[in-house]
Amino acid sequence: MKTIDVNVFQPKLLQTIKNYNRQTFMSDLMAGIIVGIVALPLAIAFGIASGVSPEKGIITAIVAGLVISIFGGSKVQIGGPTGAFIIIIYGIIQQYGIEGLTIATLMAGAFLVLFGVLRLGTIIKYIPYPIVVGFTSGIAVTIFTTQIKDLFGLSLAEVPSDFIEKWWVYITNFNTVDPWCALVGVFSVVVIALTPRFSKKIPGSLVAIVLFTVVALLLKNFAGITTIETIGDRFAISNELPAAQVPQMNWETIKSLVSPALTIAILGAIESLLSATVADGVVGDHHDSNTELIAQGIANLATPLFGGIPATGAIARTMTNINNGGHTPIAGVIHAAVLLLIFLFLMPLAQYIPMACLAGVLVVVSYGMSGWRSFLALTKNPKSDVTVLLITFFLTIIFDLTIAIEVGLIIACLLFMRRMSETTDVKVILDEIDPNKESELSQGNLEHLTIPAGVEVYEINGPYFFGAGNRFEDIMASFGNNRPKVRIIRMRKVPFVDSTGIHNLTNLCEMSKKEGIEVVLSGVTEKVNTTLAHADFYKHVPQENICSHINIALERAKEILGK
């Protein structure tokens, strides 16, 4: 009975805590406090943009940040809500409601744990780069689009969900711009962009929120300007910790949510592993991708029970942690504790934050996510990569992320199959073999090996699998009725063969037998030989026709011709 290897789950916290000391703790403490402050405005903004109340964003950052730091496979990864999830979360809420989002997040958590247990962490990292850039850029454009109303204070009763319709409504209603909201929104973007020039420690988003919250209060109380909408105008703010609740599930709901849950899981896996990989390059460590996936899964199983939304590793907060001296997962635990204290004692103050300022925060986030330089660089790559990039990008903004990821992966798989099939070549040799080009003959007969009349030598270069299965048929068809007496198949350069390759080899042997042609195999590698034997292939080829190298194969062909 096959058992799960316990080494698949090895949290970094257990490894780093062994040599922990006071100096490391002080570094982690400072980093954790700063990251907690940085995470606050982002958690609020991501929560509101996703279609939930602001406290749910903070609860997600607290629970997921704590769980990912305790159980994760990276020393410095910081988890929480991210901009990548905004669109998919908003769509699920619109279609299935908050309870549907809770169930989808729980399912996504289960999928992530399964990914880690099955050791799929390394495979997920090989998802084609054009797909990642395509849907990341698409998400960035979509986030930017959703913030136009709040950024400029447009008077719109309802904003369409369709991308093109949304922009048409914005353009036709731009005359309803509130100048005070527009000033707050635009200057928030300016402040966030300029803050890093003056301070590397204090996040620009926090500076903008504090500054324009004060400005909005002053304008309201002393200038009578009441048109600047705040969080409190739209949401009822609560600082009470919610009790854990398990949603009611039924089979029909679960079936309908499989696709969005998989999208959340795949997106979370990609973003968390990408973040961990970037962090590795900075700190000189190597994360455990499977442990990280399991931790992400546990986090997404925990957060929805407290009303939270999907979470993953966050690149911006992880880099903030590293840049401020975070060395171990303790920094992530402290970041969660800081957010918890802010939630309990300062959350009511969030009601005064202008919506236009939060829109400015998300505009800057969307710009950072867009990766426009990478996008433009990829347009200079082969046409197949550009095709995947553009299809994924436009499907993301015009339809939704679920369709974009599914179609993008399918296209990438098809292109991969085509490229793999191009790496395998089947050639035919009719006259003689040049030993100067044959490493197999370097220690044997150095004379040219002449191929007798009535013998054809086929050589397979590369893996013989589904992508190259019909090459023999194509080549043999080109010879018309000129059939040989013996066909030698050289397989010395075949590293592996799959069921399609075995099926085609079997068909070749059966077809050759009907035509009175004998098949001789030459140079079959040990791995391929084991695969063929296990598939019971050798009942189609006599034992004496299986030769270790080409010299013996040609001698065997002469014997057959002599008969």
Protein backbone atom coordinates (compact mmCIF):
# COMPACT_ATOMS: atom_id res chain seq x y z
CA MET A 1 0.00 0.00 0.00
CA LYS A 2 1.39 3.41 -1.01
CA THR A 3 1.69 5.96 1.80
CA ILE A 4 2.16 9.71 1.73
CA ASP A 5 5.73 10.84 2.38
CA VAL A 6 5.73 12.88 5.60
CA ASN A 7 8.63 14.93 4.22
CA VAL A 8 6.18 16.63 1.87
CA PHE A 9 5.17 18.93 4.76
CA GLN A 10 8.08 20.66 6.53
CA PRO A 11 7.17 24.16 7.78
CA LYS A 12 10.08 26.61 7.78
CA LEU A 13 9.08 27.86 11.24
CA LEU A 14 10.19 24.55 12.80
CA GLN A 15 13.56 24.79 11.06
CA THR A 16 14.29 28.45 11.84
CA ILE A 17 13.16 28.37 15.47
CA LYS A 18 16.01 25.99 16.44
CA ASN A 19 18.69 28.67 16.30
CA TYR A 20 16.47 31.63 17.11
CA ASN A 21 17.98 34.44 19.22
CA ARG A 22 17.18 37.89 20.57
CA GLN A 23 18.86 39.74 17.69
CA THR A 24 16.81 37.86 15.10
CA PHE A 25 13.64 38.51 17.11
CA MET A 26 14.27 42.27 17.18
CA SER A 27 14.71 42.27 13.39
CA ASP A 28 11.55 40.22 12.94
CA LEU A 29 9.66 42.48 15.37
CA MET A 30 10.49 45.66 13.46
CA ALA A 31 9.74 44.04 10.09
CA GLY A 32 6.45 42.58 11.38
CA ILE A 33 5.24 45.95 12.71
CA ILE A 34 6.04 47.72 9.45
CA VAL A 35 4.48 44.99 7.28
CA GLY A 36 1.36 45.05 9.46
CA ILE A 37 1.00 48.80 8.90
CA VAL A 38 1.60 48.36 5.15
CA ALA A 39 -0.96 45.56 4.97
CA LEU A 40 -3.74 47.56 6.66
CA PRO A 41 -4.79 49.89 3.80
CA LEU A 42 -4.31 47.15 1.23
CA ALA A 43 -6.49 44.70 3.18
CA ILE A 44 -9.26 47.29 3.47
CA ALA A 45 -9.01 48.25 -0.22
CA PHE A 46 -8.93 44.65 -1.45
CA GLY A 47 -11.91 43.74 0.73
CA ILE A 48 -14.07 46.60 -0.55
CA ALA A 49 -13.02 46.10 -4.18
CA SER A 50 -13.89 42.39 -3.90
CA GLY A 51 -17.45 43.23 -2.90
CA VAL A 52 -17.24 42.55 0.85
CA SER A 53 -17.03 44.83 3.88
CA PRO A 54 -13.63 46.31 4.84
CA GLU A 55 -13.26 44.33 8.05
CA LYS A 56 -13.42 41.06 6.08
CA GLY A 57 -10.26 42.12 4.25
CA ILE A 58 -8.47 42.70 7.55
CA ILE A 59 -9.76 39.43 9.04
CA THR A 60 -8.37 37.65 5.98
CA ALA A 61 -4.99 39.30 6.43
CA ILE A 62 -4.94 38.33 10.14
CA VAL A 63 -6.00 34.68 9.81
CA ALA A 64 -4.25 33.88 6.53
CA GLY A 65 -1.12 35.82 7.49
CA LEU A 66 -0.86 33.86 10.76
CA VAL A 67 -1.52 30.43 9.20
CA ILE A 68 0.79 30.91 6.21
CA SER A 69 3.65 32.09 8.45
CA ILE A 70 3.24 29.16 10.87
CA PHE A 71 2.84 26.38 8.31
CA GLY A 72 4.47 27.83 5.17
CA GLY A 73 7.49 26.59 3.25
CA SER A 74 9.13 30.03 2.95
CA LYS A 75 10.99 31.87 5.71
CA VAL A 76 9.79 35.34 4.72
CA GLN A 77 6.48 34.87 2.87
CA ILE A 78 3.66 37.19 3.99
CA GLY A 79 0.13 36.01 3.17
CA GLY A 80 -3.18 37.81 2.88
CA PRO A 81 -5.73 39.10 0.38
CA THR A 82 -4.27 40.26 -2.94
CA GLY A 83 -5.40 42.20 -5.96
CA ALA A 84 -5.29 39.11 -8.17
CA PHE A 85 -8.36 37.70 -6.44
CA ILE A 86 -10.54 40.83 -6.69
CA ILE A 87 -12.17 40.00 -10.00
CA ILE A 88 -12.83 36.33 -9.33
CA ILE A 89 -14.21 37.06 -5.83
CA TYR A 90 -16.49 39.81 -7.10
CA GLY A 91 -17.83 37.53 -9.84
CA ILE A 92 -18.54 34.66 -7.42
CA ILE A 93 -20.38 36.98 -5.03
CA GLN A 94 -22.52 38.37 -7.85
CA GLN A 95 -23.49 34.87 -9.01
CA TYR A 96 -23.54 32.78 -5.82
CA GLY A 97 -23.58 35.27 -2.94
CA ILE A 98 -21.33 35.45 0.12
CA GLU A 99 -22.16 31.87 1.09
CA GLY A 100 -21.12 30.68 -2.36
CA LEU A 101 -17.80 32.52 -1.97
CA THR A 102 -17.28 30.83 1.41
CA ILE A 103 -17.86 27.37 -0.08
CA ALA A 104 -15.66 28.10 -3.12
CA THR A 105 -12.82 29.29 -0.86
CA LEU A 106 -13.08 26.16 1.30
CA MET A 107 -12.98 24.01 -1.84
CA ALA A 108 -9.98 25.98 -3.13
CA GLY A 109 -8.22 25.36 0.19
CA ALA A 110 -8.85 21.63 -0.14
CA PHE A 111 -7.49 21.70 -3.72
CA LEU A 112 -4.34 23.52 -2.59
CA VAL A 113 -3.68 20.99 0.17
CA LEU A 114 -4.16 18.22 -2.39
CA PHE A 115 -1.73 19.95 -4.80
CA GLY A 116 0.90 19.99 -2.07
CA VAL A 117 0.33 16.39 -0.92
CA LEU A 118 0.58 15.20 -4.55
CA ARG A 119 3.84 17.17 -4.92
CA LEU A 120 2.53 19.42 -7.69
CA GLY A 121 4.41 22.44 -6.42
CA THR A 122 7.24 22.11 -8.91
CA ILE A 123 4.83 21.46 -11.80
CA ILE A 124 2.75 24.57 -11.13
CA LYS A 125 5.90 26.69 -11.34
CA TYR A 126 6.25 25.58 -14.97
CA ILE A 127 3.00 27.22 -16.10
CA PRO A 128 4.03 29.22 -19.19
CA TYR A 129 5.19 32.76 -18.50
CA PRO A 130 2.95 34.33 -21.21
CA ILE A 131 -0.12 32.95 -19.41
CA VAL A 132 0.99 34.41 -16.07
CA VAL A 133 1.75 37.82 -17.63
CA GLY A 134 -1.44 37.71 -19.71
CA PHE A 135 -3.89 37.18 -16.91
CA THR A 136 -1.92 39.34 -14.41
CA SER A 137 -1.98 42.27 -16.85
CA GLY A 138 -5.65 41.57 -17.58
CA ILE A 139 -6.47 41.60 -13.86
CA ALA A 140 -4.60 44.90 -13.48
CA VAL A 141 -6.61 46.53 -16.28
CA THR A 142 -9.85 45.17 -14.80
CA ILE A 143 -9.03 46.46 -11.29
CA PHE A 144 -8.22 49.89 -12.73
CA THR A 145 -11.53 49.87 -14.60
CA THR A 146 -13.55 49.04 -11.48
CA GLN A 147 -12.07 52.03 -9.60
CA ILE A 148 -12.99 54.79 -12.06
CA LYS A 149 -16.38 55.49 -10.42
CA ASP A 150 -14.95 56.00 -6.92
CA LEU A 151 -11.76 57.70 -8.15
CA PHE A 152 -13.74 60.52 -9.79
CA GLY A 153 -16.91 60.34 -7.70
CA LEU A 154 -19.16 59.63 -10.69
CA SER A 155 -22.91 59.75 -9.99
CA LEU A 156 -23.89 56.29 -11.18
CA ALA A 157 -26.71 54.23 -9.70
CA GLU A 158 -25.27 51.02 -11.12
CA VAL A 159 -22.10 50.07 -13.00
CA PRO A 160 -22.37 47.25 -15.60
CA SER A 161 -20.22 44.16 -15.06
CA ASP A 162 -19.20 43.93 -18.73
CA PHE A 163 -15.84 45.58 -19.46
CA ILE A 164 -16.86 47.38 -22.66
CA GLU A 165 -20.25 48.45 -21.32
CA LYS A 166 -18.57 49.74 -18.17
CA TRP A 167 -16.28 52.05 -20.12
CA TRP A 168 -19.18 53.25 -22.28
CA VAL A 169 -21.12 54.19 -19.12
CA TYR A 170 -18.05 55.99 -17.71
CA ILE A 171 -17.55 58.00 -20.90
CA THR A 172 -21.21 58.96 -21.29
CA ASN A 173 -21.51 59.96 -17.62
CA PHE A 174 -18.18 61.66 -17.10
CA ASN A 175 -19.98 64.99 -16.82
CA THR A 176 -21.13 63.84 -13.35
CA VAL A 177 -17.60 63.97 -11.93
CA ASP A 178 -17.39 65.28 -8.39
CA PRO A 179 -14.40 67.67 -8.38
CA TRP A 180 -13.59 67.13 -4.68
CA CYS A 181 -13.57 63.32 -5.04
CA ALA A 182 -11.48 63.62 -8.19
CA LEU A 183 -8.94 65.82 -6.39
CA VAL A 184 -8.72 63.38 -3.47
CA GLY A 185 -8.37 60.40 -5.83
CA VAL A 186 -5.78 61.92 -8.16
CA PHE A 187 -3.68 63.44 -5.38
CA SER A 188 -3.79 60.12 -3.50
CA VAL A 189 -2.10 58.51 -6.50
CA VAL A 190 0.50 61.32 -6.57
CA VAL A 191 1.24 61.00 -2.84
CA ILE A 192 1.60 57.20 -3.04
CA ALA A 193 3.93 57.52 -6.04
CA LEU A 194 6.12 60.21 -4.45
CA THR A 195 6.36 58.88 -0.87
CA PRO A 196 9.13 56.31 -1.62
CA ARG A 197 11.39 59.20 -2.67
CA PHE A 198 11.24 60.60 0.85
CA SER A 199 10.75 57.48 3.00
CA LYS A 200 11.44 53.83 2.37
CA LYS A 201 9.93 52.74 5.67
CA ILE A 202 6.51 54.40 5.66
CA PRO A 203 4.17 53.08 2.92
CA GLY A 204 2.73 55.68 0.57
CA SER A 205 -0.72 54.13 0.80
CA LEU A 206 -0.79 54.72 4.57
CA VAL A 207 0.43 58.31 4.15
CA ALA A 208 -2.27 58.98 1.56
CA ILE A 209 -5.04 57.45 3.68
CA VAL A 210 -4.10 59.36 6.84
CA LEU A 211 -3.59 62.64 4.97
CA PHE A 212 -6.78 62.61 2.93
CA THR A 213 -8.91 61.24 5.75
CA VAL A 214 -7.91 64.34 7.73
CA VAL A 215 -8.47 66.56 4.67
CA ALA A 216 -11.94 65.09 4.09
CA LEU A 217 -12.90 65.63 7.77
CA LEU A 218 -11.68 69.22 7.67
CA LEU A 219 -13.55 69.96 4.45
CA LYS A 220 -16.72 68.43 5.86
CA ASN A 221 -16.62 70.15 9.26
CA PHE A 222 -15.24 73.58 8.31
CA ALA A 223 -16.07 74.06 4.61
CA GLY A 224 -19.41 72.25 4.44
CA ILE A 225 -18.23 69.91 1.65
CA THR A 226 -20.15 66.66 2.11
CA THR A 227 -19.84 65.09 -1.34
CA ILE A 228 -16.66 63.13 -0.54
CA GLU A 229 -17.99 59.62 0.11
CA THR A 230 -16.28 57.65 2.88
CA ILE A 231 -16.23 53.99 3.92
CA GLY A 232 -18.72 54.78 6.68
CA ASP A 233 -21.21 56.15 4.12
CA ARG A 234 -21.26 52.80 2.35
CA PHE A 235 -20.51 50.21 5.07
CA ALA A 236 -21.28 49.60 8.72
CA ILE A 237 -17.89 49.18 10.41
CA SER A 238 -17.45 46.56 13.13
CA ASN A 239 -14.42 45.66 15.23
CA GLU A 240 -15.90 42.51 16.75
CA LEU A 241 -14.16 39.24 15.97
CA PRO A 242 -16.64 36.93 14.23
CA ALA A 243 -17.35 33.45 15.53
CA ALA A 244 -16.38 30.55 13.29
CA GLN A 245 -19.27 29.35 11.14
CA VAL A 246 -19.41 26.40 8.76
CA PRO A 247 -21.67 27.06 5.74
CA GLN A 248 -24.35 24.64 4.69
CA MET A 249 -23.28 22.73 1.62
CA ASN A 250 -25.16 20.61 -0.87
CA TRP A 251 -23.93 18.58 -3.81
CA GLU A 252 -25.48 20.86 -6.44
CA THR A 253 -23.74 23.96 -5.05
CA ILE A 254 -20.42 22.13 -4.78
CA LYS A 255 -20.64 20.96 -8.41
CA SER A 256 -21.43 24.47 -9.65
CA LEU A 257 -18.48 25.95 -7.74
CA VAL A 258 -15.79 23.48 -8.85
CA SER A 259 -14.62 25.69 -11.73
CA PRO A 260 -14.27 28.97 -9.76
CA ALA A 261 -12.75 27.06 -6.82
CA LEU A 262 -10.10 25.57 -9.12
CA THR A 263 -9.43 29.03 -10.51
CA ILE A 264 -8.88 30.38 -7.00
CA ALA A 265 -6.60 27.43 -6.19
CA ILE A 266 -4.51 27.69 -9.35
CA LEU A 267 -4.24 31.47 -9.09
CA GLY A 268 -3.32 31.24 -5.41
CA ALA A 269 -0.73 28.54 -6.11
CA ILE A 270 0.89 30.51 -8.92
CA GLU A 271 1.01 33.79 -7.01
CA SER A 272 2.27 32.27 -3.75
CA LEU A 273 5.02 30.23 -5.45
CA LEU A 274 6.00 33.19 -7.61
CA SER A 275 6.26 35.35 -4.49
CA ALA A 276 8.29 32.69 -2.66
CA THR A 277 10.62 32.29 -5.66
CA VAL A 278 11.24 36.04 -5.87
CA ALA A 279 11.94 36.07 -2.11
CA ASP A 280 14.41 33.19 -2.49
CA GLY A 281 16.45 35.22 -4.94
CA VAL A 282 16.71 38.10 -2.48
CA VAL A 283 17.42 36.23 0.79
CA GLY A 284 19.43 33.38 -0.75
CA ASP A 285 17.14 30.68 0.58
CA HIS A 286 15.14 27.90 -1.09
CA HIS A 287 11.48 27.51 -0.22
CA ASP A 288 9.61 24.19 -0.07
CA SER A 289 6.94 24.58 -2.73
CA ASN A 290 4.79 21.64 -1.61
CA THR A 291 4.80 22.74 2.03
CA GLU A 292 3.90 26.24 0.85
CA LEU A 293 0.91 24.92 -1.11
CA ILE A 294 -0.32 22.96 1.90
CA ALA A 295 -0.01 26.09 4.06
CA GLN A 296 -1.92 28.14 1.49
CA GLY A 297 -4.59 25.45 1.50
CA ILE A 298 -4.89 25.47 5.30
CA ALA A 299 -5.16 29.27 5.22
CA ASN A 300 -7.99 29.16 2.70
CA LEU A 301 -9.74 26.51 4.76
CA ALA A 302 -9.51 28.74 7.85
CA THR A 303 -10.26 32.27 6.60
CA PRO A 304 -13.77 31.63 5.18
CA LEU A 305 -14.89 30.15 8.50
CA PHE A 306 -14.40 33.65 10.00
CA GLY A 307 -15.95 35.49 7.07
CA GLY A 308 -12.69 36.04 5.21
CA ILE A 309 -11.94 35.90 1.49
CA PRO A 310 -9.33 33.92 -0.52
CA ALA A 311 -5.71 34.62 0.36
CA THR A 312 -2.27 33.84 -0.99
CA GLY A 313 1.34 34.94 -0.72
CA ALA A 314 1.68 38.66 -1.47
CA ILE A 315 4.81 39.77 -3.34
CA ALA A 316 4.67 43.43 -2.24
CA ARG A 317 4.24 42.63 1.47
CA THR A 318 6.83 39.84 1.29
CA MET A 319 9.39 42.24 -0.21
CA THR A 320 8.51 44.84 2.44
CA ASN A 321 9.19 42.19 5.08
CA ILE A 322 12.59 41.37 3.56
CA ASN A 323 13.60 45.02 3.05
CA ASN A 324 12.83 45.81 6.69
CA GLY A 325 14.86 42.95 8.16
CA GLY A 326 12.45 40.02 8.37
CA HIS A 327 14.43 36.78 8.71
CA THR A 328 11.97 34.12 9.88
CA PRO A 329 8.24 33.34 9.84
CA ILE A 330 8.01 35.05 13.24
CA ALA A 331 7.87 38.37 11.36
CA GLY A 332 4.71 37.17 9.61
CA VAL A 333 3.18 36.15 12.93
CA ILE A 334 3.94 39.62 14.36
CA HIS A 335 2.41 41.23 11.25
CA ALA A 336 -0.82 39.32 11.94
CA ALA A 337 -0.74 40.37 15.62
CA VAL A 338 -0.30 44.05 14.65
CA LEU A 339 -3.29 43.85 12.32
CA LEU A 340 -5.33 42.21 15.07
CA LEU A 341 -4.55 45.05 17.52
CA ILE A 342 -5.42 47.66 14.89
CA PHE A 343 -8.66 45.81 14.13
CA LEU A 344 -9.71 45.66 17.78
CA PHE A 345 -8.84 49.22 18.81
CA LEU A 346 -8.70 51.43 15.71
CA MET A 347 -11.14 49.86 13.26
CA PRO A 348 -13.97 52.37 13.91
CA LEU A 349 -11.71 55.14 12.56
CA ALA A 350 -11.75 53.42 9.13
CA GLN A 351 -15.25 54.80 8.52
CA TYR A 352 -13.73 58.25 7.80
CA ILE A 353 -11.44 57.03 4.97
CA PRO A 354 -12.55 58.52 1.60
CA MET A 355 -13.54 55.98 -1.05
CA ALA A 356 -11.68 58.07 -3.63
CA CYS A 357 -8.46 57.61 -1.63
CA LEU A 358 -8.92 53.82 -1.54
CA ALA A 359 -9.56 53.93 -5.29
CA GLY A 360 -6.22 55.75 -5.65
CA VAL A 361 -4.51 53.00 -3.64
CA LEU A 362 -5.94 50.35 -5.99
CA VAL A 363 -5.00 52.35 -9.09
CA VAL A 364 -1.36 52.24 -7.92
CA VAL A 365 -1.72 48.52 -7.12
CA SER A 366 -3.11 47.85 -10.61
CA TYR A 367 -0.20 49.75 -12.17
CA GLY A 368 2.26 47.61 -10.23
CA MET A 369 0.44 44.45 -11.24
CA SER A 370 0.23 45.37 -14.92
CA GLY A 371 3.84 44.42 -15.64
CA TRP A 372 3.59 46.45 -18.83
CA ARG A 373 7.33 46.21 -19.48
CA SER A 374 7.17 42.40 -19.38
CA PHE A 375 4.05 42.51 -21.56
CA LEU A 376 5.76 44.61 -24.23
CA ALA A 377 8.91 42.47 -24.09
CA LEU A 378 6.86 39.30 -24.68
CA THR A 379 5.32 40.78 -27.85
CA LYS A 380 8.79 40.42 -29.44
CA ASN A 381 8.87 36.67 -28.73
CA PRO A 382 7.72 33.86 -31.08
CA LYS A 383 4.20 34.22 -32.46
CA SER A 384 2.92 31.26 -30.47
CA ASP A 385 3.89 32.96 -27.18
CA VAL A 386 2.36 36.25 -28.31
CA THR A 387 -0.84 34.40 -29.22
CA VAL A 388 -1.12 32.85 -25.76
CA LEU A 389 -0.33 36.20 -24.13
CA LEU A 390 -2.95 38.18 -26.06
CA ILE A 391 -5.68 35.54 -25.84
CA THR A 392 -5.22 35.22 -22.06
CA PHE A 393 -5.13 39.00 -21.64
CA PHE A 394 -8.27 39.76 -23.67
CA LEU A 395 -10.23 36.83 -22.25
CA THR A 396 -9.44 38.13 -18.75
CA ILE A 397 -10.73 41.64 -19.36
CA ILE A 398 -13.63 40.85 -21.71
CA PHE A 399 -14.95 37.61 -20.15
CA ASP A 400 -13.54 36.47 -16.82
CA LEU A 401 -10.46 35.02 -15.19
CA THR A 402 -11.81 31.45 -15.04
CA ILE A 403 -12.24 31.27 -18.81
CA ALA A 404 -8.90 33.01 -19.37
CA ILE A 405 -6.94 30.52 -17.26
CA GLU A 406 -8.73 27.48 -18.72
CA VAL A 407 -8.34 28.55 -22.35
CA GLY A 408 -4.79 29.82 -21.79
CA LEU A 409 -3.70 26.50 -20.27
CA ILE A 410 -5.33 24.52 -23.07
CA ILE A 411 -3.59 26.61 -25.74
CA ALA A 412 -0.27 26.37 -23.90
CA CYS A 413 -0.62 22.58 -23.65
CA LEU A 414 -1.37 22.31 -27.37
CA LEU A 415 1.65 24.45 -28.22
CA PHE A 416 3.78 22.37 -25.85
CA MET A 417 2.66 19.18 -27.62
CA ARG A 418 3.51 20.68 -30.99
CA ARG A 419 6.94 21.81 -29.82
CA MET A 420 7.67 18.46 -28.20
CA SER A 421 6.67 16.63 -31.36
CA GLU A 422 9.10 18.83 -33.29
CA THR A 423 11.95 17.68 -31.02
CA THR A 424 11.49 14.07 -32.16
CA ASP A 425 12.78 13.22 -35.60
CA VAL A 426 12.39 9.98 -37.56
CA LYS A 427 14.78 9.58 -40.48
CA VAL A 428 15.44 6.78 -42.93
CA ILE A 429 18.89 5.58 -44.09
CA LEU A 430 18.99 3.59 -47.33
CA ASP A 431 22.64 3.31 -48.37
CA GLU A 432 25.35 3.48 -45.70
CA ILE A 433 26.07 4.71 -42.14
CA ASP A 434 29.01 7.08 -41.58
CA PRO A 435 30.92 6.00 -38.41
CA ASN A 436 32.32 9.52 -37.96
CA LYS A 437 28.80 10.60 -36.96
CA GLU A 438 28.10 7.54 -34.85
CA SER A 439 29.22 7.52 -31.21
CA GLU A 440 27.87 3.97 -31.03
CA LEU A 441 30.57 2.81 -33.45
CA SER A 442 33.49 4.76 -32.01
CA GLN A 443 34.92 1.68 -30.34
CA GLY A 444 33.81 -0.80 -32.94
CA ASN A 445 34.06 -1.07 -36.69
CA LEU A 446 35.24 2.29 -38.04
CA GLU A 447 34.49 1.43 -41.66
CA HIS A 448 31.37 2.67 -43.39
CA LEU A 449 28.50 0.29 -42.72
CA THR A 450 26.82 -0.52 -45.99
CA ILE A 451 23.11 -1.22 -45.82
CA PRO A 452 22.25 -4.24 -48.00
CA ALA A 453 19.62 -3.99 -50.70
CA GLY A 454 16.20 -4.83 -49.31
CA VAL A 455 16.97 -3.28 -45.90
CA GLU A 456 15.75 0.07 -44.58
CA VAL A 457 17.14 1.63 -41.42
CA TYR A 458 14.88 4.01 -39.48
CA GLU A 459 16.30 6.09 -36.66
CA ILE A 460 14.19 7.77 -33.97
CA ASN A 461 15.85 10.81 -32.38
CA GLY A 462 13.99 11.93 -29.29
CA PRO A 463 11.10 10.69 -27.11
CA TYR A 464 8.65 8.50 -29.01
CA PHE A 465 5.30 9.62 -27.69
CA PHE A 466 1.90 10.86 -28.81
CA GLY A 467 3.35 13.91 -30.56
CA ALA A 468 5.54 11.85 -32.90
CA GLY A 469 3.49 8.71 -33.23
CA ASN A 470 2.59 8.98 -36.90
CA ARG A 471 6.03 9.80 -38.28
CA PHE A 472 6.67 6.23 -39.47
CA GLU A 473 3.43 6.15 -41.43
CA ASP A 474 4.26 9.47 -43.10
CA ILE A 475 7.78 8.37 -44.09
CA MET A 476 6.81 4.90 -45.30
CA ALA A 477 3.97 6.32 -47.36
CA SER A 478 6.51 8.37 -49.30
CA PHE A 479 8.19 5.18 -50.59
CA GLY A 480 5.07 3.96 -52.36
CA ASN A 481 5.25 0.26 -53.35
CA ASN A 482 9.03 -0.09 -52.92
CA ARG A 483 8.88 -2.33 -49.87
CA PRO A 484 12.03 -3.72 -48.21
CA LYS A 485 12.51 -7.23 -46.77
CA VAL A 486 13.83 -5.96 -43.41
CA ARG A 487 13.14 -2.80 -41.40
CA ILE A 488 15.72 -1.92 -38.74
CA ILE A 489 14.48 0.57 -36.13
CA ARG A 490 17.30 2.27 -34.23
CA MET A 491 16.13 3.43 -30.80
CA ARG A 492 19.42 4.36 -29.13
CA LYS A 493 18.34 8.03 -28.86
CA VAL A 494 14.86 7.35 -27.50
CA PRO A 495 14.83 8.30 -23.77
CA PHE A 496 11.24 7.13 -23.21
CA VAL A 497 8.20 5.79 -25.03
CA ASP A 498 4.55 6.25 -24.07
CA SER A 499 1.43 4.20 -24.81
CA THR A 500 0.86 5.98 -28.14
CA GLY A 501 4.41 5.21 -29.22
CA ILE A 502 3.99 1.55 -28.20
CA HIS A 503 0.68 1.41 -30.07
CA ASN A 504 2.27 2.78 -33.25
CA LEU A 505 5.26 0.43 -32.99
CA THR A 506 2.84 -2.46 -32.57
CA ASN A 507 0.89 -1.36 -35.65
CA LEU A 508 4.15 -1.06 -37.58
CA CYS A 509 5.15 -4.63 -36.64
CA GLU A 510 1.71 -6.05 -37.53
CA MET A 511 1.56 -4.17 -40.81
CA SER A 512 5.11 -5.24 -41.71
CA LYS A 513 4.27 -8.87 -40.89
CA LYS A 514 1.29 -8.79 -43.27
CA GLU A 515 3.56 -7.43 -46.00
CA GLY A 516 6.22 -10.08 -45.37
CA ILE A 517 8.67 -7.62 -43.81
CA GLU A 518 10.65 -8.47 -40.67
CA VAL A 519 11.29 -5.79 -38.03
CA VAL A 520 14.62 -5.62 -36.17
CA LEU A 521 15.14 -3.34 -33.16
CA SER A 522 18.57 -1.83 -32.50
CA GLY A 523 20.02 -0.12 -29.42
CA VAL A 524 16.93 -0.08 -27.20
CA THR A 525 17.79 1.68 -23.93
CA GLU A 526 17.22 -0.06 -20.62
CA LYS A 527 14.34 2.25 -19.63
CA VAL A 528 12.55 1.86 -22.97
CA ASN A 529 13.21 -1.90 -22.94
CA THR A 530 11.52 -2.19 -19.53
CA THR A 531 8.51 -0.18 -20.75
CA LEU A 532 8.14 -2.31 -23.90
CA ALA A 533 8.49 -5.55 -21.96
CA HIS A 534 5.90 -4.44 -19.39
CA ALA A 535 3.48 -3.62 -22.23
CA ASP A 536 3.99 -7.13 -23.69
CA PHE A 537 5.29 -5.59 -26.91
CA TYR A 538 7.98 -8.20 -27.58
CA LYS A 539 5.47 -10.84 -28.63
CA HIS A 540 5.44 -8.97 -31.96
CA VAL A 541 9.24 -9.12 -32.40
CA PRO A 542 11.28 -12.37 -32.13
CA GLN A 543 13.97 -12.34 -29.46
CA GLU A 544 16.71 -12.78 -32.07
CA ASN A 545 15.54 -9.56 -33.77
CA ILE A 546 16.33 -7.46 -30.70
CA CYS A 547 19.92 -6.27 -31.08
CA SER A 548 22.16 -4.24 -28.80
CA HIS A 549 23.69 -2.08 -31.57
CA ILE A 550 23.61 -1.45 -35.30
CA ASN A 551 26.43 -3.87 -36.29
CA ILE A 552 24.54 -6.84 -34.87
CA ALA A 553 21.28 -5.54 -36.33
CA LEU A 554 22.79 -5.39 -39.84
CA GLU A 555 24.23 -8.90 -39.46
CA ARG A 556 20.79 -10.15 -38.41
CA ALA A 557 19.27 -8.41 -41.45
CA LYS A 558 21.73 -10.24 -43.74
CA GLU A 559 20.73 -13.56 -42.14
CA ILE A 560 17.08 -12.82 -42.83
CA LEU A 561 17.86 -11.87 -46.43
CA GLY A 562 19.86 -15.10 -46.81
CA LYS A 563 16.83 -17.15 -45.87
